[in-house]
């Protein structure tokens, strides 16, 4: 199967204990991370994907973004 395009109408992140700057950085990293990942899924509309992650003390914003991207892609893969 070839790589598909991912269109995201809305991305909502609920994360506690981040400053406004960290939250903006997280949103940017997650958006960019999703944009850079090729998808090997059949084209279709997925109304919503929800992922929940356990917090990790002292986790960097970059590491959290990567975990969110990985969890989102895994959730999309399960919708096939």
N, C-alpha and C. Protein backbone atom coordinates (compact mmCIF):
# COMPACT_ATOMS: atom_id res chain seq x y z
N UNK A 1 0.85 -1.17 0.00
CA UNK A 1 0.00 0.00 0.00
C UNK A 1 0.90 1.24 0.00
N UNK A 2 0.50 2.26 -0.67
CA UNK A 2 1.30 3.48 -0.73
C UNK A 2 0.98 4.42 0.44
N UNK A 3 1.84 5.38 0.64
CA UNK A 3 1.64 6.34 1.73
C UNK A 3 0.43 7.21 1.42
N UNK A 4 -0.38 7.46 2.43
CA UNK A 4 -1.57 8.29 2.30
C UNK A 4 -1.30 9.67 2.88
N UNK A 5 -2.16 10.59 2.53
CA UNK A 5 -2.07 11.93 3.08
C UNK A 5 -2.98 12.03 4.30
N UNK A 6 -2.52 12.74 5.29
CA UNK A 6 -3.29 12.93 6.51
C UNK A 6 -3.73 14.38 6.59
N UNK A 7 -5.04 14.60 6.59
CA UNK A 7 -5.61 15.94 6.78
C UNK A 7 -6.22 15.99 8.17
N UNK A 8 -5.82 16.96 8.95
CA UNK A 8 -6.35 17.12 10.30
C UNK A 8 -7.15 18.41 10.34
N UNK A 9 -8.45 18.28 10.63
CA UNK A 9 -9.30 19.46 10.73
C UNK A 9 -9.08 20.21 12.04
N UNK A 10 -8.86 19.45 13.10
CA UNK A 10 -8.68 20.08 14.41
C UNK A 10 -7.83 19.16 15.27
N UNK A 11 -6.90 19.76 15.98
CA UNK A 11 -6.04 19.02 16.90
C UNK A 11 -6.18 19.67 18.26
N UNK A 12 -6.65 18.91 19.22
CA UNK A 12 -6.80 19.41 20.59
C UNK A 12 -5.90 18.62 21.51
N UNK A 13 -5.15 19.32 22.32
CA UNK A 13 -4.27 18.69 23.29
C UNK A 13 -4.65 19.18 24.68
N UNK A 14 -4.86 18.28 25.59
CA UNK A 14 -5.11 18.63 26.98
C UNK A 14 -3.93 18.12 27.80
N UNK A 15 -3.08 19.03 28.20
CA UNK A 15 -1.87 18.66 28.93
C UNK A 15 -1.72 19.60 30.11
N UNK A 16 -1.49 19.04 31.26
CA UNK A 16 -1.31 19.89 32.45
C UNK A 16 0.17 20.15 32.70
N UNK A 17 0.43 21.12 33.50
CA UNK A 17 1.78 21.43 33.98
C UNK A 17 2.75 21.91 32.90
N UNK A 18 2.24 22.56 31.85
CA UNK A 18 3.10 23.17 30.85
C UNK A 18 2.88 24.67 30.84
N UNK A 19 3.95 25.41 30.61
CA UNK A 19 3.81 26.86 30.44
C UNK A 19 3.17 27.11 29.07
N UNK A 20 2.75 28.34 28.83
CA UNK A 20 2.17 28.69 27.53
C UNK A 20 3.16 28.44 26.41
N UNK A 21 4.42 28.80 26.62
CA UNK A 21 5.45 28.57 25.61
C UNK A 21 5.65 27.08 25.34
N UNK A 22 5.67 26.27 26.40
CA UNK A 22 5.84 24.83 26.24
C UNK A 22 4.63 24.23 25.50
N UNK A 23 3.45 24.72 25.82
CA UNK A 23 2.24 24.22 25.15
C UNK A 23 2.27 24.54 23.66
N UNK A 24 2.70 25.74 23.29
CA UNK A 24 2.81 26.11 21.88
C UNK A 24 3.86 25.23 21.19
N UNK A 25 4.97 25.01 21.88
CA UNK A 25 6.03 24.15 21.32
C UNK A 25 5.51 22.73 21.12
N UNK A 26 4.77 22.23 22.10
CA UNK A 26 4.21 20.89 22.00
C UNK A 26 3.27 20.78 20.80
N UNK A 27 2.38 21.73 20.66
CA UNK A 27 1.43 21.71 19.55
C UNK A 27 2.17 21.72 18.21
N UNK A 28 3.19 22.54 18.11
CA UNK A 28 3.97 22.62 16.88
C UNK A 28 4.70 21.31 16.60
N UNK A 29 5.32 20.75 17.61
CA UNK A 29 6.05 19.49 17.44
C UNK A 29 5.12 18.33 17.05
N UNK A 30 3.95 18.28 17.67
CA UNK A 30 3.00 17.22 17.34
C UNK A 30 2.50 17.40 15.90
N UNK A 31 2.13 18.61 15.53
CA UNK A 31 1.67 18.86 14.17
C UNK A 31 2.73 18.52 13.15
N UNK A 32 3.95 18.96 13.39
CA UNK A 32 5.06 18.66 12.47
C UNK A 32 5.36 17.16 12.44
N UNK A 33 5.32 16.54 13.60
CA UNK A 33 5.59 15.10 13.67
C UNK A 33 4.57 14.30 12.88
N UNK A 34 3.31 14.67 12.98
CA UNK A 34 2.28 13.98 12.20
C UNK A 34 2.44 14.25 10.71
N UNK A 35 2.81 15.47 10.38
CA UNK A 35 2.98 15.83 8.96
C UNK A 35 4.13 15.08 8.32
N UNK A 36 5.15 14.75 9.08
CA UNK A 36 6.35 14.10 8.54
C UNK A 36 6.25 12.58 8.47
N UNK A 37 5.22 12.01 9.08
CA UNK A 37 5.11 10.55 9.12
C UNK A 37 4.30 10.04 7.95
N UNK A 38 4.90 9.17 7.13
CA UNK A 38 4.11 8.56 6.06
C UNK A 38 3.11 7.56 6.66
N UNK A 39 1.95 7.50 6.09
CA UNK A 39 0.91 6.59 6.57
C UNK A 39 0.70 5.49 5.55
N UNK A 40 0.67 4.28 5.98
CA UNK A 40 0.37 3.15 5.10
C UNK A 40 -1.02 2.63 5.44
N UNK A 41 -2.02 3.49 5.27
CA UNK A 41 -3.40 3.11 5.57
C UNK A 41 -4.26 3.47 4.37
N UNK A 42 -5.36 2.78 4.25
CA UNK A 42 -6.29 3.05 3.15
C UNK A 42 -6.97 4.40 3.38
N UNK A 43 -7.17 5.14 2.30
CA UNK A 43 -7.86 6.44 2.44
C UNK A 43 -9.26 6.25 3.01
N UNK A 44 -9.59 7.06 3.99
CA UNK A 44 -10.92 7.03 4.61
C UNK A 44 -11.05 8.22 5.54
N UNK A 45 -12.26 8.47 5.98
CA UNK A 45 -12.50 9.55 6.93
C UNK A 45 -12.60 8.95 8.33
N UNK A 46 -11.85 9.50 9.24
CA UNK A 46 -11.90 9.08 10.64
C UNK A 46 -12.39 10.30 11.42
N UNK A 47 -13.60 10.25 11.96
CA UNK A 47 -14.16 11.44 12.61
C UNK A 47 -13.36 11.94 13.81
N UNK A 48 -12.78 11.02 14.57
CA UNK A 48 -12.02 11.44 15.75
C UNK A 48 -11.07 10.33 16.17
N UNK A 49 -9.97 10.75 16.74
CA UNK A 49 -9.01 9.82 17.35
C UNK A 49 -8.66 10.41 18.70
N UNK A 50 -8.73 9.59 19.71
CA UNK A 50 -8.39 10.05 21.06
C UNK A 50 -7.30 9.14 21.61
N UNK A 51 -6.29 9.76 22.16
CA UNK A 51 -5.24 9.00 22.82
C UNK A 51 -5.02 9.57 24.21
N UNK A 52 -4.70 8.70 25.14
CA UNK A 52 -4.38 9.11 26.50
C UNK A 52 -3.05 8.50 26.87
N UNK A 53 -2.20 9.29 27.48
CA UNK A 53 -0.88 8.84 27.87
C UNK A 53 -0.67 9.07 29.36
N UNK A 54 0.03 8.15 29.97
CA UNK A 54 0.42 8.33 31.37
C UNK A 54 1.52 9.38 31.45
N UNK A 55 1.47 10.20 32.47
CA UNK A 55 2.52 11.21 32.61
C UNK A 55 3.83 10.56 33.02
N UNK A 56 4.91 11.20 32.63
CA UNK A 56 6.25 10.75 32.99
C UNK A 56 6.97 11.93 33.61
N UNK A 57 7.38 11.82 34.86
CA UNK A 57 8.07 12.93 35.51
C UNK A 57 9.32 13.34 34.73
N UNK A 58 9.54 14.62 34.65
CA UNK A 58 10.74 15.18 34.01
C UNK A 58 10.84 14.88 32.52
N UNK A 59 9.73 14.55 31.88
CA UNK A 59 9.75 14.28 30.44
C UNK A 59 9.85 15.59 29.67
N UNK A 60 10.69 15.61 28.65
CA UNK A 60 10.83 16.83 27.86
C UNK A 60 9.62 17.00 26.95
N UNK A 61 9.40 18.23 26.49
CA UNK A 61 8.30 18.52 25.59
C UNK A 61 8.49 17.73 24.29
N UNK A 62 9.72 17.62 23.82
CA UNK A 62 9.99 16.86 22.61
C UNK A 62 9.65 15.39 22.75
N UNK A 63 10.01 14.80 23.89
CA UNK A 63 9.68 13.39 24.13
C UNK A 63 8.17 13.18 24.23
N UNK A 64 7.48 14.11 24.89
CA UNK A 64 6.03 14.02 24.99
C UNK A 64 5.40 14.13 23.60
N UNK A 65 5.88 15.04 22.79
CA UNK A 65 5.35 15.19 21.43
C UNK A 65 5.53 13.90 20.64
N UNK A 66 6.70 13.29 20.75
CA UNK A 66 6.95 12.03 20.03
C UNK A 66 6.01 10.94 20.49
N UNK A 67 5.77 10.87 21.78
CA UNK A 67 4.83 9.86 22.31
C UNK A 67 3.43 10.10 21.79
N UNK A 68 3.01 11.37 21.71
CA UNK A 68 1.68 11.69 21.19
C UNK A 68 1.57 11.31 19.72
N UNK A 69 2.58 11.63 18.94
CA UNK A 69 2.58 11.27 17.52
C UNK A 69 2.49 9.75 17.37
N UNK A 70 3.32 9.02 18.08
CA UNK A 70 3.31 7.55 17.98
C UNK A 70 1.96 6.97 18.39
N UNK A 71 1.38 7.47 19.47
CA UNK A 71 0.09 6.98 19.94
C UNK A 71 -1.02 7.31 18.94
N UNK A 72 -0.95 8.49 18.33
CA UNK A 72 -1.96 8.89 17.35
C UNK A 72 -1.88 8.01 16.11
N UNK A 73 -0.68 7.77 15.62
CA UNK A 73 -0.51 6.91 14.44
C UNK A 73 -0.96 5.48 14.74
N UNK A 74 -0.67 4.99 15.93
CA UNK A 74 -1.10 3.65 16.31
C UNK A 74 -2.64 3.59 16.38
N UNK A 75 -3.26 4.63 16.91
CA UNK A 75 -4.73 4.67 16.97
C UNK A 75 -5.32 4.72 15.57
N UNK A 76 -4.73 5.48 14.68
CA UNK A 76 -5.21 5.53 13.29
C UNK A 76 -5.07 4.17 12.63
N UNK A 77 -3.99 3.48 12.90
CA UNK A 77 -3.77 2.16 12.33
C UNK A 77 -4.83 1.18 12.81
N UNK A 78 -5.28 1.33 14.05
CA UNK A 78 -6.30 0.43 14.59
C UNK A 78 -7.68 0.69 14.01
N UNK A 79 -7.89 1.82 13.34
CA UNK A 79 -9.20 2.14 12.78
C UNK A 79 -9.44 1.49 11.43
N UNK A 80 -8.48 0.72 10.93
CA UNK A 80 -8.64 0.08 9.62
C UNK A 80 -9.59 -1.09 9.67
